[in-house]
Amino acid sequence: MPLHPDSETLDAYTRDAARYSREWLDQPPPDDVYALWEAHLLPAGKTADIGCGNGRDAAWLAGHGYRVTGYDASAALLDEARRLYPQIAFRTATLPSLAEIDEQFDNVVCETVLMHLPADAITDAVDNLLRILRPNGMLYLSWRATDNADARQPDGRLYSAFDPALVTNALTDCVLLFADDTTSASSGKRVCRIIAAKGGGL
């Protein structure tokens, strides 16, 4: 199974990190996502934000009492995050392997990242997100949904088309607490969202 990210996607985020950062900050805040986190994440828990980008969501988590560390594969995006939110720890980690992370967290969030992986890397990614989640911890996953066939944006970013069952089937020893397919209040794009408790829930 592949253990590497999509190189064209990573190149795009590295090349234009400042522009993407501005775009994310200019979007309305994803209050619908934050409401789900408040309802389901373990309060004040040690939290990993996987694919943190410019740190916008990590900053919300920190501001609401979560002990958060942001992780991203793009050094340029991590530079943006550290510039914007110097009080938060940001580190390098790359899906699907997350080989750089050898600790566990109470909460793991991965907001609109999975779709940038090839379909045959999704199971590996979910397995490794669960690996870094402690028993009874909470996992939040979302991805931008693409129908029929993979789409490559002009800037090089991959939007992979995959059956959501690839995600749900990988959630072994988990209780699925929430799942929906909706339009993001922030980006206006169609997204799938899942929240699961590892190891039988609380």
N, C-alpha and C. Protein backbone atom coordinates (compact mmCIF):
# COMPACT_ATOMS: atom_id res chain seq x y z
N MET A 1 0.85 -1.20 0.00
CA MET A 1 0.00 0.00 0.00
C MET A 1 0.88 1.26 0.00
N PRO A 2 0.42 2.32 -0.66
CA PRO A 2 1.24 3.53 -0.73
C PRO A 2 1.33 4.22 0.63
N LEU A 3 2.51 4.74 0.92
CA LEU A 3 2.72 5.45 2.18
C LEU A 3 3.26 6.85 1.93
N HIS A 4 2.84 7.45 0.83
CA HIS A 4 3.35 8.76 0.47
C HIS A 4 2.19 9.68 0.10
N PRO A 5 2.33 10.98 0.25
CA PRO A 5 1.28 11.93 -0.15
C PRO A 5 1.29 12.11 -1.66
N ASP A 6 0.28 12.80 -2.16
CA ASP A 6 0.26 13.16 -3.58
C ASP A 6 1.22 14.34 -3.78
N SER A 7 2.26 14.12 -4.56
CA SER A 7 3.34 15.11 -4.65
C SER A 7 2.87 16.41 -5.31
N GLU A 8 1.99 16.35 -6.29
CA GLU A 8 1.54 17.57 -6.95
C GLU A 8 0.71 18.43 -6.00
N THR A 9 -0.09 17.78 -5.16
CA THR A 9 -0.86 18.53 -4.16
C THR A 9 0.07 19.22 -3.17
N LEU A 10 1.05 18.48 -2.67
CA LEU A 10 1.99 19.06 -1.71
C LEU A 10 2.77 20.20 -2.35
N ASP A 11 3.16 20.04 -3.61
CA ASP A 11 3.87 21.11 -4.31
C ASP A 11 3.02 22.37 -4.42
N ALA A 12 1.72 22.18 -4.71
CA ALA A 12 0.82 23.33 -4.85
C ALA A 12 0.71 24.11 -3.55
N TYR A 13 0.52 23.39 -2.44
CA TYR A 13 0.39 24.08 -1.16
C TYR A 13 1.71 24.74 -0.74
N THR A 14 2.82 24.13 -1.10
CA THR A 14 4.11 24.72 -0.76
C THR A 14 4.39 25.95 -1.60
N ARG A 15 4.07 25.88 -2.87
CA ARG A 15 4.35 26.98 -3.80
C ARG A 15 3.51 28.22 -3.48
N ASP A 16 2.25 28.01 -3.09
CA ASP A 16 1.32 29.13 -2.92
C ASP A 16 0.76 29.19 -1.50
N ALA A 17 1.58 28.87 -0.51
CA ALA A 17 1.10 28.80 0.87
C ALA A 17 0.49 30.11 1.34
N ALA A 18 1.11 31.23 1.03
CA ALA A 18 0.60 32.52 1.50
C ALA A 18 -0.77 32.81 0.90
N ARG A 19 -0.95 32.48 -0.37
CA ARG A 19 -2.25 32.73 -1.02
C ARG A 19 -3.34 31.85 -0.41
N TYR A 20 -3.06 30.56 -0.24
CA TYR A 20 -4.06 29.68 0.36
C TYR A 20 -4.39 30.14 1.77
N SER A 21 -3.38 30.56 2.51
CA SER A 21 -3.61 31.03 3.87
C SER A 21 -4.57 32.21 3.88
N ARG A 22 -4.35 33.17 2.98
CA ARG A 22 -5.25 34.33 2.91
C ARG A 22 -6.67 33.90 2.55
N GLU A 23 -6.79 32.96 1.62
CA GLU A 23 -8.12 32.49 1.21
C GLU A 23 -8.86 31.85 2.38
N TRP A 24 -8.16 31.02 3.16
CA TRP A 24 -8.81 30.38 4.31
C TRP A 24 -9.22 31.40 5.35
N LEU A 25 -8.39 32.40 5.58
CA LEU A 25 -8.73 33.42 6.56
C LEU A 25 -9.87 34.31 6.09
N ASP A 26 -10.01 34.46 4.78
CA ASP A 26 -11.08 35.29 4.23
C ASP A 26 -12.42 34.57 4.20
N GLN A 27 -12.42 33.25 4.28
CA GLN A 27 -13.67 32.49 4.31
C GLN A 27 -14.40 32.73 5.64
N PRO A 28 -15.73 32.57 5.64
CA PRO A 28 -16.43 32.57 6.93
C PRO A 28 -15.89 31.44 7.80
N PRO A 29 -15.83 31.64 9.11
CA PRO A 29 -15.35 30.55 9.97
C PRO A 29 -16.28 29.35 9.86
N PRO A 30 -15.73 28.13 9.94
CA PRO A 30 -16.56 26.92 9.82
C PRO A 30 -17.28 26.61 11.12
N ASP A 31 -18.25 27.45 11.44
CA ASP A 31 -18.93 27.31 12.73
C ASP A 31 -19.66 25.99 12.88
N ASP A 32 -20.10 25.40 11.76
CA ASP A 32 -20.77 24.10 11.84
C ASP A 32 -19.79 23.02 12.28
N VAL A 33 -18.55 23.09 11.80
CA VAL A 33 -17.52 22.15 12.24
C VAL A 33 -17.21 22.37 13.72
N TYR A 34 -17.04 23.61 14.10
CA TYR A 34 -16.70 23.90 15.50
C TYR A 34 -17.80 23.45 16.45
N ALA A 35 -19.05 23.55 16.02
CA ALA A 35 -20.16 23.07 16.87
C ALA A 35 -20.07 21.55 17.06
N LEU A 36 -19.70 20.82 16.00
CA LEU A 36 -19.53 19.37 16.13
C LEU A 36 -18.38 19.05 17.08
N TRP A 37 -17.31 19.80 16.98
CA TRP A 37 -16.18 19.56 17.88
C TRP A 37 -16.57 19.80 19.33
N GLU A 38 -17.28 20.89 19.57
CA GLU A 38 -17.70 21.17 20.94
C GLU A 38 -18.60 20.08 21.48
N ALA A 39 -19.42 19.50 20.61
CA ALA A 39 -20.38 18.48 21.04
C ALA A 39 -19.72 17.12 21.28
N HIS A 40 -18.60 16.83 20.58
CA HIS A 40 -18.08 15.47 20.60
C HIS A 40 -16.65 15.31 21.10
N LEU A 41 -15.78 16.28 20.89
CA LEU A 41 -14.40 16.11 21.32
C LEU A 41 -14.30 16.11 22.84
N LEU A 42 -13.28 15.41 23.35
CA LEU A 42 -13.09 15.35 24.80
C LEU A 42 -12.59 16.70 25.29
N PRO A 43 -13.32 17.35 26.18
CA PRO A 43 -12.95 18.70 26.62
C PRO A 43 -11.55 18.75 27.21
N ALA A 44 -10.80 19.78 26.82
CA ALA A 44 -9.44 20.01 27.31
C ALA A 44 -8.49 18.89 26.93
N GLY A 45 -8.90 18.04 25.99
CA GLY A 45 -8.08 16.90 25.63
C GLY A 45 -6.84 17.27 24.82
N LYS A 46 -5.85 16.41 24.92
CA LYS A 46 -4.67 16.50 24.07
C LYS A 46 -5.11 16.19 22.64
N THR A 47 -4.91 17.14 21.72
CA THR A 47 -5.56 17.08 20.42
C THR A 47 -4.55 17.26 19.29
N ALA A 48 -4.64 16.41 18.26
CA ALA A 48 -3.83 16.54 17.06
C ALA A 48 -4.71 17.05 15.92
N ASP A 49 -4.28 18.15 15.31
CA ASP A 49 -4.93 18.68 14.11
C ASP A 49 -4.07 18.27 12.92
N ILE A 50 -4.51 17.22 12.22
CA ILE A 50 -3.72 16.63 11.13
C ILE A 50 -4.10 17.32 9.81
N GLY A 51 -3.08 17.88 9.15
CA GLY A 51 -3.35 18.69 7.97
C GLY A 51 -3.83 20.07 8.37
N CYS A 52 -3.11 20.67 9.30
CA CYS A 52 -3.57 21.91 9.94
C CYS A 52 -3.47 23.14 9.05
N GLY A 53 -2.76 23.04 7.92
CA GLY A 53 -2.65 24.20 7.04
C GLY A 53 -2.03 25.39 7.73
N ASN A 54 -2.72 26.52 7.66
CA ASN A 54 -2.20 27.75 8.26
C ASN A 54 -2.53 27.90 9.74
N GLY A 55 -3.12 26.86 10.35
CA GLY A 55 -3.35 26.87 11.79
C GLY A 55 -4.65 27.50 12.25
N ARG A 56 -5.52 27.89 11.31
CA ARG A 56 -6.78 28.54 11.70
C ARG A 56 -7.58 27.69 12.68
N ASP A 57 -7.76 26.41 12.37
CA ASP A 57 -8.58 25.56 13.23
C ASP A 57 -7.85 25.20 14.52
N ALA A 58 -6.54 25.03 14.44
CA ALA A 58 -5.77 24.78 15.66
C ALA A 58 -5.92 25.95 16.63
N ALA A 59 -5.96 27.17 16.09
CA ALA A 59 -6.14 28.35 16.94
C ALA A 59 -7.50 28.32 17.62
N TRP A 60 -8.54 27.89 16.89
CA TRP A 60 -9.86 27.78 17.53
C TRP A 60 -9.81 26.75 18.65
N LEU A 61 -9.20 25.61 18.38
CA LEU A 61 -9.10 24.56 19.40
C LEU A 61 -8.36 25.07 20.64
N ALA A 62 -7.24 25.73 20.43
CA ALA A 62 -6.48 26.25 21.56
C ALA A 62 -7.29 27.27 22.34
N GLY A 63 -8.03 28.11 21.62
CA GLY A 63 -8.85 29.12 22.27
C GLY A 63 -10.02 28.56 23.04
N HIS A 64 -10.35 27.30 22.79
CA HIS A 64 -11.46 26.65 23.50
C HIS A 64 -10.98 25.56 24.45
N GLY A 65 -9.73 25.66 24.87
CA GLY A 65 -9.24 24.85 25.96
C GLY A 65 -8.63 23.52 25.59
N TYR A 66 -8.54 23.20 24.28
CA TYR A 66 -7.90 21.95 23.88
C TYR A 66 -6.39 22.13 23.83
N ARG A 67 -5.67 21.11 24.23
CA ARG A 67 -4.20 21.13 24.20
C ARG A 67 -3.76 20.62 22.84
N VAL A 68 -3.68 21.52 21.89
CA VAL A 68 -3.57 21.15 20.49
C VAL A 68 -2.15 21.28 19.96
N THR A 69 -1.79 20.35 19.09
CA THR A 69 -0.61 20.45 18.24
C THR A 69 -1.06 20.32 16.79
N GLY A 70 -0.61 21.23 15.94
CA GLY A 70 -0.95 21.18 14.53
C GLY A 70 0.14 20.48 13.73
N TYR A 71 -0.28 19.63 12.80
CA TYR A 71 0.65 18.89 11.95
C TYR A 71 0.31 19.11 10.48
N ASP A 72 1.32 19.28 9.66
CA ASP A 72 1.11 19.40 8.22
C ASP A 72 2.33 18.88 7.48
N ALA A 73 2.13 18.50 6.22
CA ALA A 73 3.23 18.02 5.39
C ALA A 73 3.99 19.15 4.71
N SER A 74 3.37 20.33 4.63
CA SER A 74 3.96 21.45 3.91
C SER A 74 4.74 22.36 4.86
N ALA A 75 6.04 22.46 4.65
CA ALA A 75 6.84 23.35 5.48
C ALA A 75 6.41 24.80 5.31
N ALA A 76 5.99 25.17 4.10
CA ALA A 76 5.56 26.55 3.86
C ALA A 76 4.28 26.88 4.60
N LEU A 77 3.33 25.94 4.64
CA LEU A 77 2.11 26.18 5.42
C LEU A 77 2.40 26.21 6.91
N LEU A 78 3.31 25.37 7.37
CA LEU A 78 3.70 25.42 8.78
C LEU A 78 4.35 26.76 9.12
N ASP A 79 5.10 27.33 8.20
CA ASP A 79 5.67 28.66 8.42
C ASP A 79 4.56 29.69 8.59
N GLU A 80 3.52 29.60 7.76
CA GLU A 80 2.37 30.50 7.89
C GLU A 80 1.71 30.33 9.25
N ALA A 81 1.51 29.07 9.66
CA ALA A 81 0.86 28.81 10.94
C ALA A 81 1.66 29.38 12.11
N ARG A 82 2.96 29.18 12.07
CA ARG A 82 3.79 29.67 13.18
C ARG A 82 3.82 31.20 13.21
N ARG A 83 3.76 31.81 12.03
CA ARG A 83 3.73 33.28 11.98
C ARG A 83 2.42 33.82 12.55
N LEU A 84 1.31 33.18 12.19
CA LEU A 84 -0.01 33.66 12.61
C LEU A 84 -0.31 33.33 14.06
N TYR A 85 0.14 32.16 14.53
CA TYR A 85 -0.24 31.66 15.86
C TYR A 85 1.00 31.15 16.59
N PRO A 86 1.91 32.03 16.97
CA PRO A 86 3.18 31.60 17.56
C PRO A 86 3.03 30.90 18.90
N GLN A 87 1.88 31.01 19.54
CA GLN A 87 1.68 30.38 20.84
C GLN A 87 1.35 28.89 20.72
N ILE A 88 1.14 28.38 19.50
CA ILE A 88 0.73 26.99 19.28
C ILE A 88 1.90 26.21 18.69
N ALA A 89 2.03 24.94 19.07
CA ALA A 89 3.07 24.07 18.52
C ALA A 89 2.61 23.52 17.17
N PHE A 90 3.45 23.66 16.16
CA PHE A 90 3.19 23.11 14.83
C PHE A 90 4.38 22.26 14.42
N ARG A 91 4.08 21.07 13.88
CA ARG A 91 5.13 20.12 13.54
C ARG A 91 4.84 19.46 12.20
N THR A 92 5.85 18.86 11.62
CA THR A 92 5.72 18.16 10.35
C THR A 92 5.18 16.75 10.56
N ALA A 93 4.19 16.38 9.77
CA ALA A 93 3.71 14.99 9.70
C ALA A 93 2.98 14.83 8.38
N THR A 94 3.09 13.66 7.80
CA THR A 94 2.62 13.43 6.45
C THR A 94 1.69 12.23 6.38
N LEU A 95 0.47 12.45 5.92
CA LEU A 95 -0.43 11.36 5.60
C LEU A 95 0.01 10.70 4.30
N PRO A 96 -0.22 9.39 4.13
CA PRO A 96 -1.01 8.52 5.01
C PRO A 96 -0.24 7.89 6.17
N SER A 97 1.09 7.96 6.20
CA SER A 97 1.83 7.17 7.19
C SER A 97 1.86 7.79 8.57
N LEU A 98 1.90 9.15 8.65
CA LEU A 98 2.09 9.84 9.93
C LEU A 98 3.27 9.24 10.70
N ALA A 99 4.30 8.85 9.96
CA ALA A 99 5.46 8.20 10.58
C ALA A 99 6.17 9.09 11.58
N GLU A 100 6.00 10.40 11.46
CA GLU A 100 6.67 11.35 12.35
C GLU A 100 6.04 11.39 13.75
N ILE A 101 4.86 10.79 13.91
CA ILE A 101 4.13 10.88 15.19
C ILE A 101 4.18 9.52 15.89
N ASP A 102 4.71 9.51 17.12
CA ASP A 102 4.80 8.26 17.89
C ASP A 102 4.12 8.39 19.25
N GLU A 103 3.21 9.36 19.37
CA GLU A 103 2.45 9.52 20.61
C GLU A 103 0.97 9.40 20.30
N GLN A 104 0.14 9.38 21.35
CA GLN A 104 -1.30 9.26 21.18
C GLN A 104 -2.01 10.47 21.76
N PHE A 105 -3.23 10.70 21.27
CA PHE A 105 -4.00 11.88 21.59
C PHE A 105 -5.40 11.49 22.04
N ASP A 106 -6.02 12.39 22.83
CA ASP A 106 -7.41 12.21 23.22
C ASP A 106 -8.35 12.48 22.05
N ASN A 107 -8.00 13.46 21.23
CA ASN A 107 -8.78 13.83 20.05
C ASN A 107 -7.85 13.92 18.85
N VAL A 108 -8.32 13.42 17.71
CA VAL A 108 -7.63 13.61 16.45
C VAL A 108 -8.63 14.17 15.45
N VAL A 109 -8.29 15.33 14.88
CA VAL A 109 -9.15 15.93 13.86
C VAL A 109 -8.37 16.01 12.55
N CYS A 110 -9.07 15.77 11.46
CA CYS A 110 -8.46 15.80 10.13
C CYS A 110 -9.50 16.41 9.19
N GLU A 111 -9.46 17.72 9.08
CA GLU A 111 -10.49 18.50 8.39
C GLU A 111 -10.12 18.72 6.92
N THR A 112 -10.94 18.18 6.03
CA THR A 112 -10.79 18.33 4.57
C THR A 112 -9.36 18.12 4.10
N VAL A 113 -8.86 16.92 4.37
CA VAL A 113 -7.50 16.54 3.97
C VAL A 113 -7.50 15.25 3.15
N LEU A 114 -8.31 14.27 3.54
CA LEU A 114 -8.26 12.94 2.93
C LEU A 114 -8.42 12.97 1.42
N MET A 115 -9.19 13.92 0.89
CA MET A 115 -9.46 13.93 -0.55
C MET A 115 -8.22 14.25 -1.37
N HIS A 116 -7.15 14.70 -0.71
CA HIS A 116 -5.91 14.97 -1.43
C HIS A 116 -5.03 13.73 -1.56
N LEU A 117 -5.50 12.58 -1.03
CA LEU A 117 -4.77 11.33 -1.14
C LEU A 117 -5.37 10.47 -2.24
N PRO A 118 -4.56 9.66 -2.93
CA PRO A 118 -5.14 8.68 -3.85
C PRO A 118 -6.06 7.72 -3.10
N ALA A 119 -7.06 7.21 -3.79
CA ALA A 119 -8.04 6.33 -3.13
C ALA A 119 -7.38 5.14 -2.47
N ASP A 120 -6.31 4.61 -3.06
CA ASP A 120 -5.69 3.42 -2.47
C ASP A 120 -4.81 3.74 -1.26
N ALA A 121 -4.78 5.02 -0.86
CA ALA A 121 -4.08 5.40 0.37
C ALA A 121 -5.04 5.69 1.52
N ILE A 122 -6.34 5.69 1.26
CA ILE A 122 -7.30 6.11 2.28
C ILE A 122 -7.29 5.16 3.48
N THR A 123 -7.29 3.87 3.24
CA THR A 123 -7.31 2.92 4.36
C THR A 123 -6.07 3.08 5.23
N ASP A 124 -4.90 3.22 4.61
CA ASP A 124 -3.67 3.46 5.37
C ASP A 124 -3.79 4.72 6.22
N ALA A 125 -4.35 5.77 5.63
CA ALA A 125 -4.48 7.03 6.36
C ALA A 125 -5.36 6.87 7.59
N VAL A 126 -6.52 6.24 7.42
CA VAL A 126 -7.42 6.06 8.56
C VAL A 126 -6.77 5.17 9.61
N ASP A 127 -6.10 4.10 9.18
CA ASP A 127 -5.40 3.23 10.13
C ASP A 127 -4.41 4.02 10.98
N ASN A 128 -3.68 4.93 10.36
CA ASN A 128 -2.67 5.68 11.10
C ASN A 128 -3.27 6.80 11.93
N LEU A 129 -4.38 7.36 11.51
CA LEU A 129 -5.10 8.30 12.38
C LEU A 129 -5.59 7.59 13.64
N LEU A 130 -6.06 6.36 13.48
CA LEU A 130 -6.48 5.59 14.65
C LEU A 130 -5.28 5.18 15.51
N ARG A 131 -4.15 4.91 14.88
CA ARG A 131 -2.95 4.54 15.63
C ARG A 131 -2.54 5.62 16.62
N ILE A 132 -2.70 6.88 16.25
CA ILE A 132 -2.28 7.97 17.14
C ILE A 132 -3.40 8.43 18.08
N LEU A 133 -4.55 7.73 18.04
CA LEU A 133 -5.68 8.05 18.91
C LEU A 133 -5.71 7.05 20.05
N ARG A 134 -5.79 7.53 21.26
CA ARG A 134 -5.80 6.63 22.41
C ARG A 134 -7.15 5.91 22.51
N PRO A 135 -7.20 4.77 23.22
CA PRO A 135 -8.50 4.12 23.45
C PRO A 135 -9.50 5.09 24.09
N ASN A 136 -10.72 5.04 23.61
CA ASN A 136 -11.81 5.92 24.03
C ASN A 136 -11.65 7.36 23.55
N GLY A 137 -10.66 7.60 22.69
CA GLY A 137 -10.50 8.93 22.11
C GLY A 137 -11.48 9.17 20.98
N MET A 138 -11.53 10.43 20.53
CA MET A 138 -12.50 10.86 19.53
C MET A 138 -11.78 11.23 18.23
N LEU A 139 -12.31 10.71 17.12
CA LEU A 139 -11.77 10.98 15.79
C LEU A 139 -12.79 11.77 14.98
N TYR A 140 -12.35 12.90 14.42
CA TYR A 140 -13.17 13.67 13.48
C TYR A 140 -12.47 13.65 12.13
N LEU A 141 -13.20 13.23 11.10
CA LEU A 141 -12.69 13.19 9.74
C LEU A 141 -13.66 13.90 8.80
N SER A 142 -13.12 14.68 7.88
CA SER A 142 -13.96 15.22 6.82
C SER A 142 -13.16 15.26 5.53
N TRP A 143 -13.88 15.25 4.43
CA TRP A 143 -13.22 15.37 3.13
C TRP A 143 -14.20 15.96 2.13
N ARG A 144 -13.65 16.69 1.17
CA ARG A 144 -14.46 17.23 0.09
C ARG A 144 -14.82 16.11 -0.86
N ALA A 145 -16.13 15.94 -1.09
CA ALA A 145 -16.62 14.83 -1.90
C ALA A 145 -16.50 15.15 -3.39
N THR A 146 -15.99 14.19 -4.14
CA THR A 146 -15.87 14.28 -5.59
C THR A 146 -16.55 13.06 -6.20
N ASP A 147 -17.45 13.28 -7.14
CA ASP A 147 -18.20 12.18 -7.74
C ASP A 147 -17.48 11.62 -8.96
N ASN A 148 -17.69 10.35 -9.21
CA ASN A 148 -17.36 9.66 -10.46
C ASN A 148 -15.87 9.43 -10.67
N ALA A 149 -15.07 10.49 -10.80
CA ALA A 149 -13.66 10.31 -11.14
C ALA A 149 -12.82 11.35 -10.42
N ASP A 150 -11.56 11.00 -10.18
CA ASP A 150 -10.63 11.95 -9.57
C ASP A 150 -10.57 13.23 -10.39
N ALA A 151 -10.37 14.35 -9.69
CA ALA A 151 -10.23 15.64 -10.36
C ALA A 151 -8.92 16.27 -9.96
N ARG A 152 -8.18 16.75 -10.93
CA ARG A 152 -6.93 17.45 -10.68
C ARG A 152 -7.15 18.93 -11.00
N GLN A 153 -6.99 19.80 -9.99
CA GLN A 153 -7.20 21.22 -10.19
C GLN A 153 -6.07 21.81 -11.04
N PRO A 154 -6.31 22.97 -11.68
CA PRO A 154 -5.25 23.58 -12.48
C PRO A 154 -3.96 23.84 -11.71
N ASP A 155 -4.07 24.07 -10.40
CA ASP A 155 -2.87 24.32 -9.60
C ASP A 155 -2.14 23.03 -9.23
N GLY A 156 -2.73 21.87 -9.57
CA GLY A 156 -2.10 20.59 -9.30
C GLY A 156 -2.71 19.79 -8.18
N ARG A 157 -3.60 20.39 -7.38
CA ARG A 157 -4.17 19.67 -6.24
C ARG A 157 -5.09 18.54 -6.70
N LEU A 158 -4.95 17.38 -6.07
CA LEU A 158 -5.79 16.23 -6.34
C LEU A 158 -7.03 16.27 -5.47
N TYR A 159 -8.19 16.05 -6.08
CA TYR A 159 -9.44 15.81 -5.36
C TYR A 159 -9.89 14.41 -5.76
N SER A 160 -9.63 13.48 -4.87
CA SER A 160 -9.83 12.07 -5.15
C SER A 160 -11.30 11.69 -4.99
N ALA A 161 -11.80 10.89 -5.91
CA ALA A 161 -13.15 10.34 -5.82
C ALA A 161 -13.05 8.95 -5.20
N PHE A 162 -13.68 8.76 -4.03
CA PHE A 162 -13.64 7.44 -3.40
C PHE A 162 -14.93 7.19 -2.65
N ASP A 163 -15.26 5.93 -2.50
CA ASP A 163 -16.45 5.50 -1.78
C ASP A 163 -16.24 5.77 -0.29
N PRO A 164 -17.19 6.47 0.37
CA PRO A 164 -17.04 6.69 1.81
C PRO A 164 -16.86 5.41 2.61
N ALA A 165 -17.27 4.27 2.04
CA ALA A 165 -17.09 3.00 2.74
C ALA A 165 -15.61 2.70 2.98
N LEU A 166 -14.72 3.26 2.16
CA LEU A 166 -13.30 3.10 2.42
C LEU A 166 -12.93 3.63 3.80
N VAL A 167 -13.59 4.71 4.19
CA VAL A 167 -13.34 5.29 5.51
C VAL A 167 -14.06 4.48 6.59
N THR A 168 -15.35 4.28 6.42
CA THR A 168 -16.13 3.62 7.48
C THR A 168 -15.66 2.19 7.71
N ASN A 169 -15.28 1.48 6.65
CA ASN A 169 -14.80 0.10 6.82
C ASN A 169 -13.48 0.03 7.57
N ALA A 170 -12.72 1.12 7.53
CA ALA A 170 -11.43 1.15 8.24
C ALA A 170 -11.59 1.51 9.71
N LEU A 171 -12.78 1.92 10.12
CA LEU A 171 -12.99 2.33 11.51
C LEU A 171 -13.27 1.11 12.38
N THR A 172 -12.32 0.18 12.40
CA THR A 172 -12.47 -1.03 13.20
C THR A 172 -12.34 -0.69 14.68
N ASP A 173 -13.10 -1.42 15.49
CA ASP A 173 -13.10 -1.19 16.94
C ASP A 173 -13.47 0.26 17.28
N CYS A 174 -14.39 0.82 16.50
CA CYS A 174 -14.87 2.18 16.74
C CYS A 174 -16.39 2.19 16.76
N VAL A 175 -16.94 3.17 17.44
CA VAL A 175 -18.37 3.44 17.40
C VAL A 175 -18.57 4.70 16.58
N LEU A 176 -19.35 4.58 15.51
CA LEU A 176 -19.65 5.73 14.66
C LEU A 176 -20.72 6.57 15.34
N LEU A 177 -20.39 7.81 15.67
CA LEU A 177 -21.29 8.69 16.41
C LEU A 177 -22.02 9.69 15.52
N PHE A 178 -21.42 10.01 14.39
CA PHE A 178 -21.99 11.04 13.51
C PHE A 178 -21.47 10.84 12.10
N ALA A 179 -22.36 10.99 11.12
CA ALA A 179 -21.93 10.96 9.72
C ALA A 179 -22.90 11.80 8.91
N ASP A 180 -22.37 12.65 8.05
CA ASP A 180 -23.25 13.38 7.14
C ASP A 180 -22.53 13.73 5.85
N ASP A 181 -23.31 14.15 4.89
CA ASP A 181 -22.85 14.56 3.56
C ASP A 181 -23.58 15.87 3.31
N THR A 182 -22.86 16.98 3.36
CA THR A 182 -23.52 18.27 3.41
C THR A 182 -22.70 19.32 2.68
N THR A 183 -23.18 20.55 2.69
CA THR A 183 -22.47 21.68 2.11
C THR A 183 -21.79 22.46 3.24
N SER A 184 -20.50 22.67 3.11
CA SER A 184 -19.75 23.39 4.13
C SER A 184 -20.23 24.83 4.24
N ALA A 185 -20.47 25.28 5.48
CA ALA A 185 -20.87 26.66 5.71
C ALA A 185 -19.72 27.62 5.42
N SER A 186 -18.50 27.12 5.46
CA SER A 186 -17.33 27.97 5.25
C SER A 186 -16.96 28.06 3.78
N SER A 187 -16.74 26.90 3.14
CA SER A 187 -16.24 26.90 1.76
C SER A 187 -17.34 26.84 0.70
N GLY A 188 -18.54 26.42 1.09
CA GLY A 188 -19.61 26.24 0.13
C GLY A 188 -19.47 24.97 -0.69
N LYS A 189 -18.52 24.10 -0.35
CA LYS A 189 -18.28 22.86 -1.08
C LYS A 189 -18.97 21.69 -0.38
N ARG A 190 -19.25 20.63 -1.15
CA ARG A 190 -19.84 19.42 -0.58
C ARG A 190 -18.78 18.66 0.19
N VAL A 191 -19.09 18.31 1.44
CA VAL A 191 -18.15 17.59 2.29
C VAL A 191 -18.85 16.44 3.00
N CYS A 192 -18.09 15.39 3.25
CA CYS A 192 -18.52 14.28 4.11
C CYS A 192 -17.82 14.42 5.44
N ARG A 193 -18.55 14.13 6.53
CA ARG A 193 -18.01 14.26 7.88
C ARG A 193 -18.34 13.05 8.70
N ILE A 194 -17.39 12.63 9.51
CA ILE A 194 -17.56 11.46 10.37
C ILE A 194 -16.93 11.76 11.72
N ILE A 195 -17.63 11.33 12.78
CA ILE A 195 -17.05 11.36 14.12
C ILE A 195 -17.19 9.96 14.69
N ALA A 196 -16.09 9.42 15.22
CA ALA A 196 -16.09 8.07 15.77
C ALA A 196 -15.33 8.05 17.09
N ALA A 197 -15.77 7.18 17.98
CA ALA A 197 -15.08 6.95 19.25
C ALA A 197 -14.31 5.64 19.14
N LYS A 198 -13.05 5.65 19.49
CA LYS A 198 -12.22 4.46 19.39
C LYS A 198 -12.41 3.55 20.60
N GLY A 199 -12.51 2.28 20.34
CA GLY A 199 -12.49 1.31 21.42
C GLY A 199 -13.76 1.22 22.21
N GLY A 200 -14.91 1.47 21.55
CA GLY A 200 -16.19 1.28 22.19
C GLY A 200 -16.80 2.51 22.81
N GLY A 201 -16.15 3.67 22.66
CA GLY A 201 -16.74 4.91 23.14
C GLY A 201 -16.50 5.13 24.62
N LEU A 202 -17.25 6.07 25.17
CA LEU A 202 -17.01 6.49 26.55
C LEU A 202 -18.05 5.88 27.48
